[in-house]
Amino acid sequence: YVDSVEGRFSISRDNTKNMVYLQMNSLKPEDTAVYYCKVVRG
């Protein structure tokens, strides 16, 4: 995680469903953005 979300966000995946998730807690106004998922290695 990037420092700004460490401890607040949690990424997970389900390889049986080809799904990736981002649980976002303790949200702050500075988290406002468009969020994208992407392959980063492979």
PDB file of all heavy atoms in Angstrom:
ATOM      1  N   TYR A   1       0.827  -1.194   0.000  1.00  0.00           N
ATOM      2  CA  TYR A   1       0.000   0.000   0.000  1.00  0.00           C
ATOM      3  C   TYR A   1       0.864   1.248   0.000  1.00  0.00           C
ATOM      4  O   TYR A   1       1.960   1.261   0.558  1.00  0.00           O
ATOM      5  CB  TYR A   1      -0.904   0.042   1.240  1.00  0.00           C
ATOM      6  CG  TYR A   1      -1.781  -1.163   1.382  1.00  0.00           C
ATOM      7  CD1 TYR A   1      -1.353  -2.269   2.111  1.00  0.00           C
ATOM      8  CD2 TYR A   1      -3.032  -1.200   0.779  1.00  0.00           C
ATOM      9  CE1 TYR A   1      -2.162  -3.394   2.230  1.00  0.00           C
ATOM     10  CE2 TYR A   1      -3.838  -2.317   0.894  1.00  0.00           C
ATOM     11  CZ  TYR A   1      -3.402  -3.409   1.622  1.00  0.00           C
ATOM     12  OH  TYR A   1      -4.205  -4.521   1.740  1.00  0.00           O
ATOM     13  N   VAL A   2       0.333   2.276  -0.597  1.00  0.00           N
ATOM     14  CA  VAL A   2       0.963   3.572  -0.476  1.00  0.00           C
ATOM     15  C   VAL A   2       0.717   4.093   0.939  1.00  0.00           C
ATOM     16  O   VAL A   2      -0.282   3.746   1.582  1.00  0.00           O
ATOM     17  CB  VAL A   2       0.406   4.542  -1.546  1.00  0.00           C
ATOM     18  CG1 VAL A   2      -1.040   4.911  -1.255  1.00  0.00           C
ATOM     19  CG2 VAL A   2       1.268   5.775  -1.671  1.00  0.00           C
ATOM     20  N   ASP A   3       1.643   4.892   1.432  1.00  0.00           N
ATOM     21  CA  ASP A   3       1.576   5.328   2.823  1.00  0.00           C
ATOM     22  C   ASP A   3       0.252   6.003   3.175  1.00  0.00           C
ATOM     23  O   ASP A   3      -0.259   5.852   4.286  1.00  0.00           O
ATOM     24  CB  ASP A   3       2.725   6.277   3.138  1.00  0.00           C
ATOM     25  CG  ASP A   3       4.059   5.576   3.254  1.00  0.00           C
ATOM     26  OD1 ASP A   3       4.084   4.332   3.331  1.00  0.00           O
ATOM     27  OD2 ASP A   3       5.089   6.279   3.275  1.00  0.00           O
ATOM     28  N   SER A   4      -0.300   6.743   2.249  1.00  0.00           N
ATOM     29  CA  SER A   4      -1.491   7.522   2.538  1.00  0.00           C
ATOM     30  C   SER A   4      -2.731   6.673   2.811  1.00  0.00           C
ATOM     31  O   SER A   4      -3.700   7.171   3.388  1.00  0.00           O
ATOM     32  CB  SER A   4      -1.779   8.497   1.398  1.00  0.00           C
ATOM     33  OG  SER A   4      -1.986   7.814   0.179  1.00  0.00           O
ATOM     34  N   VAL A   5      -2.711   5.410   2.401  1.00  0.00           N
ATOM     35  CA  VAL A   5      -3.858   4.539   2.639  1.00  0.00           C
ATOM     36  C   VAL A   5      -3.524   3.375   3.558  1.00  0.00           C
ATOM     37  O   VAL A   5      -4.433   2.626   3.950  1.00  0.00           O
ATOM     38  CB  VAL A   5      -4.466   4.008   1.330  1.00  0.00           C
ATOM     39  CG1 VAL A   5      -4.731   5.147   0.351  1.00  0.00           C
ATOM     40  CG2 VAL A   5      -3.567   2.957   0.686  1.00  0.00           C
ATOM     41  N   GLU A   6      -2.276   3.207   3.912  1.00  0.00           N
ATOM     42  CA  GLU A   6      -1.854   2.121   4.787  1.00  0.00           C
ATOM     43  C   GLU A   6      -2.658   2.139   6.082  1.00  0.00           C
ATOM     44  O   GLU A   6      -2.797   3.171   6.732  1.00  0.00           O
ATOM     45  CB  GLU A   6      -0.365   2.244   5.085  1.00  0.00           C
ATOM     46  CG  GLU A   6       0.185   1.160   6.005  1.00  0.00           C
ATOM     47  CD  GLU A   6       0.318  -0.171   5.299  1.00  0.00           C
ATOM     48  OE1 GLU A   6       0.866  -0.207   4.179  1.00  0.00           O
ATOM     49  OE2 GLU A   6      -0.143  -1.184   5.868  1.00  0.00           O
ATOM     50  N   GLY A   7      -3.188   0.986   6.434  1.00  0.00           N
ATOM     51  CA  GLY A   7      -3.968   0.871   7.650  1.00  0.00           C
ATOM     52  C   GLY A   7      -5.430   1.189   7.483  1.00  0.00           C
ATOM     53  O   GLY A   7      -6.224   0.910   8.389  1.00  0.00           O
ATOM     54  N   ARG A   8      -5.795   1.779   6.366  1.00  0.00           N
ATOM     55  CA  ARG A   8      -7.192   2.117   6.113  1.00  0.00           C
ATOM     56  C   ARG A   8      -7.797   1.300   4.980  1.00  0.00           C
ATOM     57  O   ARG A   8      -8.978   0.971   5.021  1.00  0.00           O
ATOM     58  CB  ARG A   8      -7.334   3.604   5.781  1.00  0.00           C
ATOM     59  CG  ARG A   8      -6.860   4.526   6.891  1.00  0.00           C
ATOM     60  CD  ARG A   8      -7.214   5.980   6.597  1.00  0.00           C
ATOM     61  NE  ARG A   8      -6.560   6.457   5.372  1.00  0.00           N
ATOM     62  CZ  ARG A   8      -7.204   6.884   4.295  1.00  0.00           C
ATOM     63  NH1 ARG A   8      -8.536   6.912   4.284  1.00  0.00           N
ATOM     64  NH2 ARG A   8      -6.532   7.313   3.237  1.00  0.00           N
ATOM     65  N   PHE A   9      -6.991   1.001   3.979  1.00  0.00           N
ATOM     66  CA  PHE A   9      -7.459   0.252   2.820  1.00  0.00           C
ATOM     67  C   PHE A   9      -6.920  -1.163   2.872  1.00  0.00           C
ATOM     68  O   PHE A   9      -5.824  -1.413   3.389  1.00  0.00           O
ATOM     69  CB  PHE A   9      -6.982   0.899   1.516  1.00  0.00           C
ATOM     70  CG  PHE A   9      -7.616   2.222   1.181  1.00  0.00           C
ATOM     71  CD1 PHE A   9      -8.402   2.909   2.088  1.00  0.00           C
ATOM     72  CD2 PHE A   9      -7.414   2.771  -0.071  1.00  0.00           C
ATOM     73  CE1 PHE A   9      -8.976   4.127   1.767  1.00  0.00           C
ATOM     74  CE2 PHE A   9      -7.980   3.987  -0.410  1.00  0.00           C
ATOM     75  CZ  PHE A   9      -8.759   4.665   0.503  1.00  0.00           C
ATOM     76  N   SER A  10      -7.668  -2.071   2.290  1.00  0.00           N
ATOM     77  CA  SER A  10      -7.249  -3.461   2.198  1.00  0.00           C
ATOM     78  C   SER A  10      -7.625  -4.014   0.832  1.00  0.00           C
ATOM     79  O   SER A  10      -8.795  -3.995   0.453  1.00  0.00           O
ATOM     80  CB  SER A  10      -7.897  -4.295   3.306  1.00  0.00           C
ATOM     81  OG  SER A  10      -7.513  -5.653   3.218  1.00  0.00           O
ATOM     82  N   ILE A  11      -6.626  -4.475   0.102  1.00  0.00           N
ATOM     83  CA  ILE A  11      -6.856  -5.076  -1.195  1.00  0.00           C
ATOM     84  C   ILE A  11      -6.922  -6.588  -1.036  1.00  0.00           C
ATOM     85  O   ILE A  11      -6.191  -7.179  -0.237  1.00  0.00           O
ATOM     86  CB  ILE A  11      -5.759  -4.657  -2.205  1.00  0.00           C
ATOM     87  CG1 ILE A  11      -6.086  -5.146  -3.618  1.00  0.00           C
ATOM     88  CG2 ILE A  11      -4.385  -5.127  -1.752  1.00  0.00           C
ATOM     89  CD1 ILE A  11      -5.133  -4.599  -4.682  1.00  0.00           C
ATOM     90  N   SER A  12      -7.801  -7.219  -1.786  1.00  0.00           N
ATOM     91  CA  SER A  12      -7.936  -8.664  -1.733  1.00  0.00           C
ATOM     92  C   SER A  12      -8.341  -9.168  -3.108  1.00  0.00           C
ATOM     93  O   SER A  12      -8.673  -8.384  -3.999  1.00  0.00           O
ATOM     94  CB  SER A  12      -8.954  -9.090  -0.665  1.00  0.00           C
ATOM     95  OG  SER A  12     -10.237  -8.561  -0.945  1.00  0.00           O
ATOM     96  N   ARG A  13      -8.312 -10.472  -3.265  1.00  0.00           N
ATOM     97  CA  ARG A  13      -8.684 -11.041  -4.553  1.00  0.00           C
ATOM     98  C   ARG A  13      -9.295 -12.412  -4.365  1.00  0.00           C
ATOM     99  O   ARG A  13      -9.049 -13.093  -3.359  1.00  0.00           O
ATOM    100  CB  ARG A  13      -7.468 -11.125  -5.490  1.00  0.00           C
ATOM    101  CG  ARG A  13      -6.401 -12.110  -5.042  1.00  0.00           C
ATOM    102  CD  ARG A  13      -5.117 -11.921  -5.844  1.00  0.00           C
ATOM    103  NE  ARG A  13      -5.287 -12.282  -7.244  1.00  0.00           N
ATOM    104  CZ  ARG A  13      -4.477 -11.885  -8.222  1.00  0.00           C
ATOM    105  NH1 ARG A  13      -3.446 -11.088  -7.948  1.00  0.00           N
ATOM    106  NH2 ARG A  13      -4.701 -12.268  -9.471  1.00  0.00           N
ATOM    107  N   ASP A  14     -10.078 -12.811  -5.325  1.00  0.00           N
ATOM    108  CA  ASP A  14     -10.661 -14.135  -5.373  1.00  0.00           C
ATOM    109  C   ASP A  14     -10.310 -14.716  -6.731  1.00  0.00           C
ATOM    110  O   ASP A  14     -10.912 -14.352  -7.748  1.00  0.00           O
ATOM    111  CB  ASP A  14     -12.173 -14.079  -5.170  1.00  0.00           C
ATOM    112  CG  ASP A  14     -12.807 -15.446  -5.086  1.00  0.00           C
ATOM    113  OD1 ASP A  14     -12.188 -16.435  -5.533  1.00  0.00           O
ATOM    114  OD2 ASP A  14     -13.934 -15.539  -4.568  1.00  0.00           O
ATOM    115  N   ASN A  15      -9.336 -15.597  -6.747  1.00  0.00           N
ATOM    116  CA  ASN A  15      -8.856 -16.146  -8.010  1.00  0.00           C
ATOM    117  C   ASN A  15      -9.850 -17.101  -8.660  1.00  0.00           C
ATOM    118  O   ASN A  15      -9.721 -17.404  -9.845  1.00  0.00           O
ATOM    119  CB  ASN A  15      -7.515 -16.848  -7.800  1.00  0.00           C
ATOM    120  CG  ASN A  15      -6.378 -15.880  -7.553  1.00  0.00           C
ATOM    121  OD1 ASN A  15      -6.503 -14.681  -7.817  1.00  0.00           O
ATOM    122  ND2 ASN A  15      -5.268 -16.385  -7.044  1.00  0.00           N
ATOM    123  N   THR A  16     -10.812 -17.592  -7.899  1.00  0.00           N
ATOM    124  CA  THR A  16     -11.834 -18.454  -8.480  1.00  0.00           C
ATOM    125  C   THR A  16     -12.891 -17.660  -9.223  1.00  0.00           C
ATOM    126  O   THR A  16     -13.629 -18.218 -10.030  1.00  0.00           O
ATOM    127  CB  THR A  16     -12.514 -19.324  -7.415  1.00  0.00           C
ATOM    128  OG1 THR A  16     -13.344 -18.525  -6.569  1.00  0.00           O
ATOM    129  CG2 THR A  16     -11.476 -20.044  -6.571  1.00  0.00           C
ATOM    130  N   LYS A  17     -12.975 -16.367  -8.941  1.00  0.00           N
ATOM    131  CA  LYS A  17     -13.987 -15.512  -9.546  1.00  0.00           C
ATOM    132  C   LYS A  17     -13.405 -14.412 -10.419  1.00  0.00           C
ATOM    133  O   LYS A  17     -14.164 -13.617 -10.985  1.00  0.00           O
ATOM    134  CB  LYS A  17     -14.855 -14.879  -8.462  1.00  0.00           C
ATOM    135  CG  LYS A  17     -15.613 -15.877  -7.616  1.00  0.00           C
ATOM    136  CD  LYS A  17     -16.434 -15.179  -6.546  1.00  0.00           C
ATOM    137  CE  LYS A  17     -17.205 -16.171  -5.708  1.00  0.00           C
ATOM    138  NZ  LYS A  17     -17.985 -15.499  -4.647  1.00  0.00           N
ATOM    139  N   ASN A  18     -12.093 -14.355 -10.519  1.00  0.00           N
ATOM    140  CA  ASN A  18     -11.422 -13.285 -11.263  1.00  0.00           C
ATOM    141  C   ASN A  18     -11.863 -11.911 -10.764  1.00  0.00           C
ATOM    142  O   ASN A  18     -12.194 -11.016 -11.549  1.00  0.00           O
ATOM    143  CB  ASN A  18     -11.673 -13.416 -12.765  1.00  0.00           C
ATOM    144  CG  ASN A  18     -10.921 -14.577 -13.393  1.00  0.00           C
ATOM    145  OD1 ASN A  18     -10.303 -15.386 -12.709  1.00  0.00           O
ATOM    146  ND2 ASN A  18     -10.975 -14.662 -14.709  1.00  0.00           N
ATOM    147  N   MET A  19     -11.852 -11.772  -9.456  1.00  0.00           N
ATOM    148  CA  MET A  19     -12.282 -10.530  -8.829  1.00  0.00           C
ATOM    149  C   MET A  19     -11.179  -9.986  -7.932  1.00  0.00           C
ATOM    150  O   MET A  19     -10.466 -10.746  -7.273  1.00  0.00           O
ATOM    151  CB  MET A  19     -13.535 -10.737  -7.989  1.00  0.00           C
ATOM    152  CG  MET A  19     -14.757 -11.168  -8.779  1.00  0.00           C
ATOM    153  SD  MET A  19     -15.466  -9.814  -9.749  1.00  0.00           S
ATOM    154  CE  MET A  19     -16.058  -8.738  -8.444  1.00  0.00           C
ATOM    155  N   VAL A  20     -11.063  -8.692  -7.907  1.00  0.00           N
ATOM    156  CA  VAL A  20     -10.195  -8.007  -6.971  1.00  0.00           C
ATOM    157  C   VAL A  20     -11.016  -6.934  -6.273  1.00  0.00           C
ATOM    158  O   VAL A  20     -11.893  -6.316  -6.886  1.00  0.00           O
ATOM    159  CB  VAL A  20      -8.940  -7.430  -7.663  1.00  0.00           C
ATOM    160  CG1 VAL A  20      -9.322  -6.452  -8.757  1.00  0.00           C
ATOM    161  CG2 VAL A  20      -8.004  -6.793  -6.654  1.00  0.00           C
ATOM    162  N   TYR A  21     -10.726  -6.726  -4.997  1.00  0.00           N
ATOM    163  CA  TYR A  21     -11.522  -5.836  -4.174  1.00  0.00           C
ATOM    164  C   TYR A  21     -10.635  -4.813  -3.487  1.00  0.00           C
ATOM    165  O   TYR A  21      -9.445  -5.032  -3.276  1.00  0.00           O
ATOM    166  CB  TYR A  21     -12.283  -6.617  -3.104  1.00  0.00           C
ATOM    167  CG  TYR A  21     -13.097  -7.759  -3.649  1.00  0.00           C
ATOM    168  CD1 TYR A  21     -12.588  -9.056  -3.669  1.00  0.00           C
ATOM    169  CD2 TYR A  21     -14.375  -7.548  -4.148  1.00  0.00           C
ATOM    170  CE1 TYR A  21     -13.330 -10.109  -4.166  1.00  0.00           C
ATOM    171  CE2 TYR A  21     -15.127  -8.593  -4.653  1.00  0.00           C
ATOM    172  CZ  TYR A  21     -14.600  -9.871  -4.659  1.00  0.00           C
ATOM    173  OH  TYR A  21     -15.335 -10.913  -5.153  1.00  0.00           O
ATOM    174  N   LEU A  22     -11.243  -3.727  -3.122  1.00  0.00           N
ATOM    175  CA  LEU A  22     -10.571  -2.735  -2.297  1.00  0.00           C
ATOM    176  C   LEU A  22     -11.532  -2.294  -1.210  1.00  0.00           C
ATOM    177  O   LEU A  22     -12.513  -1.594  -1.485  1.00  0.00           O
ATOM    178  CB  LEU A  22     -10.116  -1.528  -3.118  1.00  0.00           C
ATOM    179  CG  LEU A  22      -9.268  -0.508  -2.360  1.00  0.00           C
ATOM    180  CD1 LEU A  22      -7.909  -1.106  -1.993  1.00  0.00           C
ATOM    181  CD2 LEU A  22      -9.081   0.763  -3.183  1.00  0.00           C
ATOM    182  N   GLN A  23     -11.264  -2.739   0.000  1.00  0.00           N
ATOM    183  CA  GLN A  23     -12.035  -2.303   1.153  1.00  0.00           C
ATOM    184  C   GLN A  23     -11.430  -1.012   1.670  1.00  0.00           C
ATOM    185  O   GLN A  23     -10.253  -0.970   2.010  1.00  0.00           O
ATOM    186  CB  GLN A  23     -12.020  -3.372   2.248  1.00  0.00           C
ATOM    187  CG  GLN A  23     -12.769  -2.979   3.513  1.00  0.00           C
ATOM    188  CD  GLN A  23     -14.257  -2.853   3.303  1.00  0.00           C
ATOM    189  OE1 GLN A  23     -14.855  -3.721   2.673  1.00  0.00           O
ATOM    190  NE2 GLN A  23     -14.849  -1.780   3.795  1.00  0.00           N
ATOM    191  N   MET A  24     -12.219   0.025   1.714  1.00  0.00           N
ATOM    192  CA  MET A  24     -11.755   1.343   2.113  1.00  0.00           C
ATOM    193  C   MET A  24     -12.495   1.759   3.377  1.00  0.00           C
ATOM    194  O   MET A  24     -13.719   1.902   3.368  1.00  0.00           O
ATOM    195  CB  MET A  24     -11.982   2.362   1.000  1.00  0.00           C
ATOM    196  CG  MET A  24     -11.353   1.971  -0.332  1.00  0.00           C
ATOM    197  SD  MET A  24     -11.515   3.278  -1.578  1.00  0.00           S
ATOM    198  CE  MET A  24     -13.304   3.309  -1.750  1.00  0.00           C
ATOM    199  N   ASN A  25     -11.748   1.950   4.437  1.00  0.00           N
ATOM    200  CA  ASN A  25     -12.302   2.367   5.713  1.00  0.00           C
ATOM    201  C   ASN A  25     -11.729   3.718   6.110  1.00  0.00           C
ATOM    202  O   ASN A  25     -10.712   4.158   5.584  1.00  0.00           O
ATOM    203  CB  ASN A  25     -11.995   1.336   6.800  1.00  0.00           C
ATOM    204  CG  ASN A  25     -12.565  -0.027   6.512  1.00  0.00           C
ATOM    205  OD1 ASN A  25     -13.681  -0.155   6.011  1.00  0.00           O
ATOM    206  ND2 ASN A  25     -11.807  -1.067   6.832  1.00  0.00           N
ATOM    207  N   SER A  26     -12.378   4.348   7.063  1.00  0.00           N
ATOM    208  CA  SER A  26     -11.921   5.639   7.577  1.00  0.00           C
ATOM    209  C   SER A  26     -11.629   6.612   6.449  1.00  0.00           C
ATOM    210  O   SER A  26     -10.593   7.276   6.409  1.00  0.00           O
ATOM    211  CB  SER A  26     -10.677   5.448   8.455  1.00  0.00           C
ATOM    212  OG  SER A  26     -10.945   4.580   9.533  1.00  0.00           O
ATOM    213  N   LEU A  27     -12.560   6.706   5.541  1.00  0.00           N
ATOM    214  CA  LEU A  27     -12.349   7.513   4.345  1.00  0.00           C
ATOM    215  C   LEU A  27     -12.222   8.993   4.671  1.00  0.00           C
ATOM    216  O   LEU A  27     -12.873   9.508   5.590  1.00  0.00           O
ATOM    217  CB  LEU A  27     -13.477   7.281   3.352  1.00  0.00           C
ATOM    218  CG  LEU A  27     -13.363   5.968   2.580  1.00  0.00           C
ATOM    219  CD1 LEU A  27     -14.703   5.587   1.967  1.00  0.00           C
ATOM    220  CD2 LEU A  27     -12.288   6.077   1.498  1.00  0.00           C
ATOM    221  N   LYS A  28     -11.376   9.643   3.903  1.00  0.00           N
ATOM    222  CA  LYS A  28     -11.098  11.052   4.050  1.00  0.00           C
ATOM    223  C   LYS A  28     -11.454  11.782   2.766  1.00  0.00           C
ATOM    224  O   LYS A  28     -11.451  11.184   1.690  1.00  0.00           O
ATOM    225  CB  LYS A  28      -9.610  11.272   4.361  1.00  0.00           C
ATOM    226  CG  LYS A  28      -9.094  10.526   5.566  1.00  0.00           C
ATOM    227  CD  LYS A  28      -7.587  10.693   5.696  1.00  0.00           C
ATOM    228  CE  LYS A  28      -7.053   9.947   6.899  1.00  0.00           C
ATOM    229  NZ  LYS A  28      -5.579  10.090   7.008  1.00  0.00           N
ATOM    230  N   PRO A  29     -11.728  13.072   2.853  1.00  0.00           N
ATOM    231  CA  PRO A  29     -12.026  13.819   1.626  1.00  0.00           C
ATOM    232  C   PRO A  29     -10.931  13.690   0.573  1.00  0.00           C
ATOM    233  O   PRO A  29     -11.239  13.674  -0.625  1.00  0.00           O
ATOM    234  CB  PRO A  29     -12.164  15.261   2.121  1.00  0.00           C
ATOM    235  CG  PRO A  29     -12.657  15.109   3.520  1.00  0.00           C
ATOM    236  CD  PRO A  29     -11.948  13.898   4.054  1.00  0.00           C
ATOM    237  N   GLU A  30      -9.688  13.584   0.990  1.00  0.00           N
ATOM    238  CA  GLU A  30      -8.599  13.460   0.038  1.00  0.00           C
ATOM    239  C   GLU A  30      -8.561  12.113  -0.674  1.00  0.00           C
ATOM    240  O   GLU A  30      -7.762  11.921  -1.595  1.00  0.00           O
ATOM    241  CB  GLU A  30      -7.245  13.741   0.705  1.00  0.00           C
ATOM    242  CG  GLU A  30      -7.021  12.959   1.986  1.00  0.00           C
ATOM    243  CD  GLU A  30      -7.360  13.763   3.233  1.00  0.00           C
ATOM    244  OE1 GLU A  30      -8.416  14.421   3.257  1.00  0.00           O
ATOM    245  OE2 GLU A  30      -6.556  13.746   4.187  1.00  0.00           O
ATOM    246  N   ASP A  31      -9.402  11.177  -0.261  1.00  0.00           N
ATOM    247  CA  ASP A  31      -9.548   9.921  -0.982  1.00  0.00           C
ATOM    248  C   ASP A  31     -10.464  10.057  -2.187  1.00  0.00           C
ATOM    249  O   ASP A  31     -10.592   9.108  -2.968  1.00  0.00           O
ATOM    250  CB  ASP A  31     -10.097   8.828  -0.060  1.00  0.00           C
ATOM    251  CG  ASP A  31      -9.157   8.480   1.070  1.00  0.00           C
ATOM    252  OD1 ASP A  31      -7.930   8.397   0.838  1.00  0.00           O
ATOM    253  OD2 ASP A  31      -9.646   8.281   2.200  1.00  0.00           O
ATOM    254  N   THR A  32     -11.108  11.184  -2.318  1.00  0.00           N
ATOM    255  CA  THR A  32     -12.003  11.408  -3.448  1.00  0.00           C
ATOM    256  C   THR A  32     -11.242  11.288  -4.758  1.00  0.00           C
ATOM    257  O   THR A  32     -10.247  11.974  -4.983  1.00  0.00           O
ATOM    258  CB  THR A  32     -12.659  12.786  -3.347  1.00  0.00           C
ATOM    259  OG1 THR A  32     -13.493  12.828  -2.182  1.00  0.00           O
ATOM    260  CG2 THR A  32     -13.521  13.068  -4.570  1.00  0.00           C
ATOM    261  N   ALA A  33     -11.715  10.415  -5.615  1.00  0.00           N
ATOM    262  CA  ALA A  33     -11.036  10.147  -6.877  1.00  0.00           C
ATOM    263  C   ALA A  33     -11.845   9.130  -7.655  1.00  0.00           C
ATOM    264  O   ALA A  33     -12.776   8.514  -7.128  1.00  0.00           O
ATOM    265  CB  ALA A  33      -9.624   9.607  -6.642  1.00  0.00           C
ATOM    266  N   VAL A  34     -11.463   8.952  -8.895  1.00  0.00           N
ATOM    267  CA  VAL A  34     -11.931   7.812  -9.658  1.00  0.00           C
ATOM    268  C   VAL A  34     -10.944   6.681  -9.432  1.00  0.00           C
ATOM    269  O   VAL A  34      -9.731   6.864  -9.574  1.00  0.00           O
ATOM    270  CB  VAL A  34     -12.047   8.130 -11.159  1.00  0.00           C
ATOM    271  CG1 VAL A  34     -12.514   6.898 -11.931  1.00  0.00           C
ATOM    272  CG2 VAL A  34     -13.013   9.282 -11.381  1.00  0.00           C
ATOM    273  N   TYR A  35     -11.450   5.528  -9.078  1.00  0.00           N
ATOM    274  CA  TYR A  35     -10.623   4.385  -8.758  1.00  0.00           C
ATOM    275  C   TYR A  35     -10.658   3.365  -9.882  1.00  0.00           C
ATOM    276  O   TYR A  35     -11.723   3.044 -10.412  1.00  0.00           O
ATOM    277  CB  TYR A  35     -11.088   3.734  -7.448  1.00  0.00           C
ATOM    278  CG  TYR A  35     -10.666   4.518  -6.231  1.00  0.00           C
ATOM    279  CD1 TYR A  35     -11.280   5.725  -5.913  1.00  0.00           C
ATOM    280  CD2 TYR A  35      -9.629   4.064  -5.414  1.00  0.00           C
ATOM    281  CE1 TYR A  35     -10.879   6.466  -4.813  1.00  0.00           C
ATOM    282  CE2 TYR A  35      -9.229   4.793  -4.306  1.00  0.00           C
ATOM    283  CZ  TYR A  35      -9.860   5.992  -4.011  1.00  0.00           C
ATOM    284  OH  TYR A  35      -9.461   6.714  -2.908  1.00  0.00           O
ATOM    285  N   TYR A  36      -9.487   2.857 -10.218  1.00  0.00           N
ATOM    286  CA  TYR A  36      -9.326   1.919 -11.310  1.00  0.00           C
ATOM    287  C   TYR A  36      -8.573   0.685 -10.831  1.00  0.00           C
ATOM    288  O   TYR A  36      -7.648   0.800 -10.025  1.00  0.00           O
ATOM    289  CB  TYR A  36      -8.500   2.521 -12.449  1.00  0.00           C
ATOM    290  CG  TYR A  36      -9.025   3.805 -13.024  1.00  0.00           C
ATOM    291  CD1 TYR A  36      -8.714   5.024 -12.439  1.00  0.00           C
ATOM    292  CD2 TYR A  36      -9.808   3.798 -14.169  1.00  0.00           C
ATOM    293  CE1 TYR A  36      -9.176   6.217 -12.978  1.00  0.00           C
ATOM    294  CE2 TYR A  36     -10.276   4.975 -14.713  1.00  0.00           C
ATOM    295  CZ  TYR A  36      -9.956   6.182 -14.117  1.00  0.00           C
ATOM    296  OH  TYR A  36     -10.411   7.354 -14.663  1.00  0.00           O
ATOM    297  N   CYS A  37      -8.938  -0.460 -11.355  1.00  0.00           N
ATOM    298  CA  CYS A  37      -8.105  -1.638 -11.149  1.00  0.00           C
ATOM    299  C   CYS A  37      -7.323  -1.917 -12.421  1.00  0.00           C
ATOM    300  O   CYS A  37      -7.720  -1.520 -13.523  1.00  0.00           O
ATOM    301  CB  CYS A  37      -8.930  -2.854 -10.728  1.00  0.00           C
ATOM    302  SG  CYS A  37     -10.035  -3.524 -11.981  1.00  0.00           S
ATOM    303  N   LYS A  38      -6.199  -2.605 -12.260  1.00  0.00           N
ATOM    304  CA  LYS A  38      -5.317  -2.807 -13.394  1.00  0.00           C
ATOM    305  C   LYS A  38      -4.337  -3.922 -13.103  1.00  0.00           C
ATOM    306  O   LYS A  38      -3.964  -4.149 -11.959  1.00  0.00           O
ATOM    307  CB  LYS A  38      -4.544  -1.522 -13.688  1.00  0.00           C
ATOM    308  CG  LYS A  38      -3.736  -1.557 -14.963  1.00  0.00           C
ATOM    309  CD  LYS A  38      -2.960  -0.281 -15.145  1.00  0.00           C
ATOM    310  CE  LYS A  38      -2.147  -0.329 -16.432  1.00  0.00           C
ATOM    311  NZ  LYS A  38      -1.176  -1.440 -16.427  1.00  0.00           N
ATOM    312  N   VAL A  39      -3.913  -4.601 -14.151  1.00  0.00           N
ATOM    313  CA  VAL A  39      -2.804  -5.530 -14.025  1.00  0.00           C
ATOM    314  C   VAL A  39      -1.525  -4.721 -13.867  1.00  0.00           C
ATOM    315  O   VAL A  39      -1.237  -3.835 -14.671  1.00  0.00           O
ATOM    316  CB  VAL A  39      -2.690  -6.438 -15.257  1.00  0.00           C
ATOM    317  CG1 VAL A  39      -1.458  -7.333 -15.148  1.00  0.00           C
ATOM    318  CG2 VAL A  39      -3.943  -7.276 -15.432  1.00  0.00           C
ATOM    319  N   VAL A  40      -0.764  -5.012 -12.827  1.00  0.00           N
ATOM    320  CA  VAL A  40       0.474  -4.285 -12.589  1.00  0.00           C
ATOM    321  C   VAL A  40       1.714  -5.137 -12.817  1.00  0.00           C
ATOM    322  O   VAL A  40       2.824  -4.601 -12.915  1.00  0.00           O
ATOM    323  CB  VAL A  40       0.513  -3.674 -11.180  1.00  0.00           C
ATOM    324  CG1 VAL A  40      -0.585  -2.633 -11.029  1.00  0.00           C
ATOM    325  CG2 VAL A  40       0.387  -4.735 -10.097  1.00  0.00           C
ATOM    326  N   ARG A  41       1.551  -6.442 -12.904  1.00  0.00           N
ATOM    327  CA  ARG A  41       2.655  -7.329 -13.224  1.00  0.00           C
ATOM    328  C   ARG A  41       2.087  -8.643 -13.711  1.00  0.00           C
ATOM    329  O   ARG A  41       1.101  -9.138 -13.155  1.00  0.00           O
ATOM    330  CB  ARG A  41       3.558  -7.559 -12.018  1.00  0.00           C
ATOM    331  CG  ARG A  41       4.807  -8.363 -12.332  1.00  0.00           C
ATOM    332  CD  ARG A  41       5.658  -8.571 -11.102  1.00  0.00           C
ATOM    333  NE  ARG A  41       6.878  -9.305 -11.419  1.00  0.00           N
ATOM    334  CZ  ARG A  41       7.770  -9.712 -10.537  1.00  0.00           C
ATOM    335  NH1 ARG A  41       7.585  -9.444  -9.249  1.00  0.00           N
ATOM    336  NH2 ARG A  41       8.845 -10.376 -10.920  1.00  0.00           N
ATOM    337  N   GLY A  42       2.693  -9.201 -14.735  1.00  0.00           N
ATOM    338  CA  GLY A  42       2.263 -10.489 -15.243  1.00  0.00           C
ATOM    339  C   GLY A  42       2.193 -10.496 -16.749  1.00  0.00           C
ATOM    340  O   GLY A  42       3.219 -10.401 -17.423  1.00  0.00           O
TER     341      GLY A  42
END
